[in-house]
Amino acid sequence: QLQLVESGGGLVQPGGSLRLSCAASGFTLDLYAIGWFRQAPGKEREAVSCINHNDDSTYYADSVKGRFTISRDNATNTVYLQMNSLRPEDTAVYYCTITVQGLLFRLCVLGQVDLWGKGTLVTVSS
């Protein structure tokens, strides 16, 4: 069974940091472009960051550039999202995703997701 399992969410104060993890089972992540999406209360899901499997090129939404960093560890089949300088508007459920065809453009720009994790909640509040 193909699964993506997120962890690392929680409550953090504005300006704080969190690192989200996404563990894959049933397949190897290094074959696919991987991304993080988020959905805030009352808003649509949006792409946050993606990374290619073949050249490690990355994409970041303008709202998180300079604050978030996506990375992958193929040895442990895990993808990370390091989130620094968190803001209340970063509060959302964060989802790990993959696309089985194409690269990060298909995933983060076109939003063509083939597999979703169940999500992890990040709350930024004082």
C-alpha atoms as a PDB file:
ATOM      1  CA  GLN A   1       0.000   0.000   0.000  1.00  0.00           C
ATOM      2  CA  LEU A   2       1.357   3.393  -1.004  1.00  0.00           C
ATOM      3  CA  GLN A   3       1.319   5.860   1.874  1.00  0.00           C
ATOM      4  CA  LEU A   4       2.660   9.227   2.875  1.00  0.00           C
ATOM      5  CA  VAL A   5       2.680   9.947   6.614  1.00  0.00           C
ATOM      6  CA  GLU A   6       3.320  13.444   7.914  1.00  0.00           C
ATOM      7  CA  SER A   7       4.537  14.381  11.377  1.00  0.00           C
ATOM      8  CA  GLY A   8       6.021  17.319  13.235  1.00  0.00           C
ATOM      9  CA  GLY A   9       3.074  19.680  13.403  1.00  0.00           C
ATOM     10  CA  GLY A  10       2.037  21.460  16.566  1.00  0.00           C
ATOM     11  CA  LEU A  11       1.553  24.779  18.299  1.00  0.00           C
ATOM     12  CA  VAL A  12       4.320  27.355  17.971  1.00  0.00           C
ATOM     13  CA  GLN A  13       4.601  31.039  18.763  1.00  0.00           C
ATOM     14  CA  PRO A  14       5.036  33.628  16.014  1.00  0.00           C
ATOM     15  CA  GLY A  15       8.679  33.783  14.990  1.00  0.00           C
ATOM     16  CA  GLY A  16       9.256  30.181  15.991  1.00  0.00           C
ATOM     17  CA  SER A  17      10.283  27.156  13.941  1.00  0.00           C
ATOM     18  CA  LEU A  18       8.997  23.697  13.165  1.00  0.00           C
ATOM     19  CA  ARG A  19      10.262  20.878  10.995  1.00  0.00           C
ATOM     20  CA  LEU A  20       7.715  18.708   9.259  1.00  0.00           C
ATOM     21  CA  SER A  21       8.575  15.197   8.121  1.00  0.00           C
ATOM     22  CA  CYS A  22       6.968  13.018   5.477  1.00  0.00           C
ATOM     23  CA  ALA A  23       7.740   9.308   5.461  1.00  0.00           C
ATOM     24  CA  ALA A  24       6.864   7.202   2.442  1.00  0.00           C
ATOM     25  CA  SER A  25       5.944   3.543   2.545  1.00  0.00           C
ATOM     26  CA  GLY A  26       5.365   1.150  -0.292  1.00  0.00           C
ATOM     27  CA  PHE A  27       7.559   3.060  -2.721  1.00  0.00           C
ATOM     28  CA  THR A  28      10.757   5.069  -2.879  1.00  0.00           C
ATOM     29  CA  LEU A  29      10.510   8.829  -2.855  1.00  0.00           C
ATOM     30  CA  ASP A  30      13.565   9.349  -5.025  1.00  0.00           C
ATOM     31  CA  LEU A  31      11.549   8.413  -8.107  1.00  0.00           C
ATOM     32  CA  TYR A  32       9.055  11.274  -7.812  1.00  0.00           C
ATOM     33  CA  ALA A  33       8.679  14.977  -7.438  1.00  0.00           C
ATOM     34  CA  ILE A  34       7.470  15.673  -3.897  1.00  0.00           C
ATOM     35  CA  GLY A  35       5.618  18.602  -2.479  1.00  0.00           C
ATOM     36  CA  TRP A  36       4.010  20.189   0.543  1.00  0.00           C
ATOM     37  CA  PHE A  37       0.572  21.747   0.280  1.00  0.00           C
ATOM     38  CA  ARG A  38      -1.415  23.444   2.994  1.00  0.00           C
ATOM     39  CA  GLN A  39      -5.004  24.343   3.708  1.00  0.00           C
ATOM     40  CA  ALA A  40      -5.921  27.083   6.148  1.00  0.00           C
ATOM     41  CA  PRO A  41      -9.390  27.302   7.728  1.00  0.00           C
ATOM     42  CA  GLY A  42     -11.879  28.590   5.188  1.00  0.00           C
ATOM     43  CA  LYS A  43      -9.333  28.669   2.374  1.00  0.00           C
ATOM     44  CA  GLU A  44      -8.423  26.478  -0.575  1.00  0.00           C
ATOM     45  CA  ARG A  45      -5.429  24.191  -0.548  1.00  0.00           C
ATOM     46  CA  GLU A  46      -2.296  25.800  -1.895  1.00  0.00           C
ATOM     47  CA  ALA A  47       1.132  24.589  -2.929  1.00  0.00           C
ATOM     48  CA  VAL A  48       3.844  25.574  -0.473  1.00  0.00           C
ATOM     49  CA  SER A  49       7.000  23.922  -1.789  1.00  0.00           C
ATOM     50  CA  CYS A  50       8.102  21.146  -4.152  1.00  0.00           C
ATOM     51  CA  ILE A  51      11.331  19.386  -5.014  1.00  0.00           C
ATOM     52  CA  ASN A  52      12.311  17.400  -8.104  1.00  0.00           C
ATOM     53  CA  HIS A  53      13.647  13.883  -7.846  1.00  0.00           C
ATOM     54  CA  ASN A  54      16.192  14.118 -10.636  1.00  0.00           C
ATOM     55  CA  ASP A  55      17.988  17.402 -10.014  1.00  0.00           C
ATOM     56  CA  ASP A  56      16.687  18.609  -6.632  1.00  0.00           C
ATOM     57  CA  SER A  57      15.327  21.799  -8.152  1.00  0.00           C
ATOM     58  CA  THR A  58      12.888  23.472  -5.781  1.00  0.00           C
ATOM     59  CA  TYR A  59       9.797  25.642  -5.875  1.00  0.00           C
ATOM     60  CA  TYR A  60       8.494  27.888  -3.100  1.00  0.00           C
ATOM     61  CA  ALA A  61       5.328  29.909  -2.865  1.00  0.00           C
ATOM     62  CA  ASP A  62       6.078  33.615  -2.604  1.00  0.00           C
ATOM     63  CA  SER A  63       4.567  33.710   0.877  1.00  0.00           C
ATOM     64  CA  VAL A  64       7.189  31.291   2.272  1.00  0.00           C
ATOM     65  CA  LYS A  65      10.317  32.163   0.266  1.00  0.00           C
ATOM     66  CA  GLY A  66      13.287  32.766   2.509  1.00  0.00           C
ATOM     67  CA  ARG A  67      11.538  31.185   5.501  1.00  0.00           C
ATOM     68  CA  PHE A  68      10.818  27.571   4.484  1.00  0.00           C
ATOM     69  CA  THR A  69      13.240  24.965   3.139  1.00  0.00           C
ATOM     70  CA  ILE A  70      12.324  21.641   1.544  1.00  0.00           C
ATOM     71  CA  SER A  71      14.789  18.762   1.555  1.00  0.00           C
ATOM     72  CA  ARG A  72      14.849  15.025   1.033  1.00  0.00           C
ATOM     73  CA  ASP A  73      16.783  12.134   2.538  1.00  0.00           C
ATOM     74  CA  ASN A  74      16.667   9.268   0.094  1.00  0.00           C
ATOM     75  CA  ALA A  75      18.435   6.958   2.533  1.00  0.00           C
ATOM     76  CA  THR A  76      15.509   7.171   4.956  1.00  0.00           C
ATOM     77  CA  ASN A  77      12.815   7.748   2.313  1.00  0.00           C
ATOM     78  CA  THR A  78      11.793  10.966   4.039  1.00  0.00           C
ATOM     79  CA  VAL A  79      11.102  14.531   2.972  1.00  0.00           C
ATOM     80  CA  TYR A  80      11.312  17.504   5.293  1.00  0.00           C
ATOM     81  CA  LEU A  81       9.932  21.016   5.421  1.00  0.00           C
ATOM     82  CA  GLN A  82      11.904  23.295   7.707  1.00  0.00           C
ATOM     83  CA  MET A  83       9.730  26.263   8.632  1.00  0.00           C
ATOM     84  CA  ASN A  84      11.327  29.297  10.255  1.00  0.00           C
ATOM     85  CA  SER A  85      10.009  32.729  11.222  1.00  0.00           C
ATOM     86  CA  LEU A  86       6.516  31.335  11.384  1.00  0.00           C
ATOM     87  CA  ARG A  87       3.556  33.697  11.166  1.00  0.00           C
ATOM     88  CA  PRO A  88      -0.067  33.323  12.243  1.00  0.00           C
ATOM     89  CA  GLU A  89      -1.023  33.149   8.560  1.00  0.00           C
ATOM     90  CA  ASP A  90       1.032  29.958   8.255  1.00  0.00           C
ATOM     91  CA  THR A  91      -1.562  28.203  10.398  1.00  0.00           C
ATOM     92  CA  ALA A  92      -2.934  25.336   8.335  1.00  0.00           C
ATOM     93  CA  VAL A  93      -3.026  21.607   7.829  1.00  0.00           C
ATOM     94  CA  TYR A  94       0.094  20.666   5.888  1.00  0.00           C
ATOM     95  CA  TYR A  95      -0.031  17.790   3.430  1.00  0.00           C
ATOM     96  CA  CYS A  96       2.737  15.792   1.811  1.00  0.00           C
ATOM     97  CA  THR A  97       2.141  14.955  -1.850  1.00  0.00           C
ATOM     98  CA  ILE A  98       3.725  13.331  -4.880  1.00  0.00           C
ATOM     99  CA  THR A  99       3.172  13.301  -8.607  1.00  0.00           C
ATOM    100  CA  VAL A 100       3.958  10.054 -10.384  1.00  0.00           C
ATOM    101  CA  GLN A 101       4.553  11.761 -13.725  1.00  0.00           C
ATOM    102  CA  GLY A 102       6.580  14.809 -14.486  1.00  0.00           C
ATOM    103  CA  LEU A 103       8.403  17.184 -12.247  1.00  0.00           C
ATOM    104  CA  LEU A 104       7.666  19.915  -9.736  1.00  0.00           C
ATOM    105  CA  PHE A 105       5.955  22.094 -12.341  1.00  0.00           C
ATOM    106  CA  ARG A 106       3.182  19.521 -12.686  1.00  0.00           C
ATOM    107  CA  LEU A 107       2.900  19.201  -8.926  1.00  0.00           C
ATOM    108  CA  CYS A 108       3.313  22.691  -7.498  1.00  0.00           C
ATOM    109  CA  VAL A 109       2.290  24.871 -10.447  1.00  0.00           C
ATOM    110  CA  LEU A 110      -0.429  22.763 -12.072  1.00  0.00           C
ATOM    111  CA  GLY A 111      -1.517  21.193  -8.792  1.00  0.00           C
ATOM    112  CA  GLN A 112      -1.714  17.697 -10.267  1.00  0.00           C
ATOM    113  CA  VAL A 113      -1.314  15.541  -7.179  1.00  0.00           C
ATOM    114  CA  ASP A 114      -1.403  11.751  -7.403  1.00  0.00           C
ATOM    115  CA  LEU A 115      -1.071  10.883  -3.725  1.00  0.00           C
ATOM    116  CA  TRP A 116      -1.905  12.823  -0.549  1.00  0.00           C
ATOM    117  CA  GLY A 117      -0.909  12.227   3.028  1.00  0.00           C
ATOM    118  CA  LYS A 118      -3.474  12.743   5.791  1.00  0.00           C
ATOM    119  CA  GLY A 119      -1.902  15.972   6.931  1.00  0.00           C
ATOM    120  CA  THR A 120      -0.429  17.480  10.076  1.00  0.00           C
ATOM    121  CA  LEU A 121      -1.768  20.587  11.800  1.00  0.00           C
ATOM    122  CA  VAL A 122       0.461  23.605  12.319  1.00  0.00           C
ATOM    123  CA  THR A 123      -0.859  26.351  14.566  1.00  0.00           C
ATOM    124  CA  VAL A 124       1.047  29.605  14.933  1.00  0.00           C
ATOM    125  CA  SER A 125      -0.308  31.615  17.828  1.00  0.00           C
ATOM    126  CA  SER A 126       0.791  33.440  20.924  1.00  0.00           C
END
